[in-house]
Amino acid sequence: MVDLLKKQVKYSDKEGKEKTATNFYLRCGDVLVPIEIKYFPDENNVDKAYGARKTVLSAFASVLPEKEEKK
């Protein structure tokens, strides 16, 4: 069984502004495999379909559960 998962992470950009990113993973058995949404720039260095690809992945992905702390 393969599951598509997502995790929201906070980071600071070059200007110090806090932003949120979405990381995607495939869970294959007990292994998490990170996946990246590819950016395909055109002659103007723009990928108009990038947002749509990210939205589709996000719509079908389940939230990655937090790890349980070991005691």
Protein backbone atom coordinates (compact mmCIF):
# COMPACT_ATOMS: atom_id res chain seq x y z
CA MET A 1 0.00 0.00 0.00
CA VAL A 2 1.22 3.51 -0.86
CA ASP A 3 -0.06 6.66 0.88
CA LEU A 4 0.40 10.28 -0.17
CA LEU A 5 1.15 12.46 2.87
CA LYS A 6 1.82 16.14 3.51
CA LYS A 7 3.37 18.15 6.32
CA GLN A 8 3.23 21.90 6.89
CA VAL A 9 6.56 23.39 8.02
CA LYS A 10 7.49 26.96 8.94
CA TYR A 11 10.65 28.65 7.66
CA SER A 12 12.13 32.12 7.29
CA ASP A 13 12.85 33.56 3.84
CA LYS A 14 15.92 35.63 2.90
CA GLU A 15 14.29 38.75 4.34
CA GLY A 16 13.46 37.05 7.65
CA LYS A 17 9.73 36.78 6.98
CA GLU A 18 8.12 33.62 8.37
CA LYS A 19 6.47 31.47 5.70
CA THR A 20 4.83 28.06 5.53
CA ALA A 21 5.82 25.32 3.10
CA THR A 22 4.11 22.02 2.35
CA ASN A 23 6.35 18.96 2.11
CA PHE A 24 5.00 15.83 0.41
CA TYR A 25 5.90 12.21 1.08
CA LEU A 26 4.96 8.76 -0.13
CA ARG A 27 4.66 6.12 2.58
CA CYS A 28 5.60 2.73 1.17
CA GLY A 29 5.18 0.23 3.98
CA ASP A 30 7.16 1.72 6.86
CA VAL A 31 9.39 3.93 4.67
CA LEU A 32 8.72 7.64 3.98
CA VAL A 33 9.97 8.84 0.61
CA PRO A 34 10.08 12.64 0.13
CA ILE A 35 8.75 13.87 -3.21
CA GLU A 36 9.22 17.22 -4.90
CA ILE A 37 6.89 19.09 -7.20
CA LYS A 38 8.95 19.83 -10.29
CA TYR A 39 9.10 23.39 -11.61
CA PHE A 40 9.05 23.60 -15.43
CA PRO A 41 9.91 27.21 -16.39
CA ASP A 42 8.99 28.52 -19.83
CA GLU A 43 11.04 31.05 -21.82
CA ASN A 44 10.03 33.74 -19.28
CA ASN A 45 11.13 31.53 -16.33
CA VAL A 46 7.48 31.02 -15.29
CA ASP A 47 5.63 27.74 -14.68
CA LYS A 48 1.92 28.56 -14.80
CA ALA A 49 0.90 24.99 -13.91
CA TYR A 50 3.10 24.66 -10.79
CA GLY A 51 0.38 25.93 -8.44
CA ALA A 52 -2.19 23.58 -9.95
CA ARG A 53 0.11 20.55 -9.53
CA LYS A 54 0.75 21.50 -5.91
CA THR A 55 -2.97 22.01 -5.25
CA VAL A 56 -3.87 18.59 -6.67
CA LEU A 57 -1.23 16.85 -4.56
CA SER A 58 -2.35 18.73 -1.46
CA ALA A 59 -6.01 17.87 -2.09
CA PHE A 60 -5.30 14.13 -2.21
CA ALA A 61 -2.65 13.98 0.53
CA SER A 62 -3.40 13.07 4.13
CA VAL A 63 -1.70 14.96 6.94
CA LEU A 64 1.46 13.23 8.12
CA PRO A 65 0.95 12.37 11.80
CA GLU A 66 3.50 13.76 14.25
CA LYS A 67 6.03 11.30 15.63
CA GLU A 68 5.36 10.05 19.09
CA GLU A 69 8.03 11.04 21.56
CA LYS A 70 10.02 8.12 22.91
CA LYS A 71 9.97 7.86 26.70
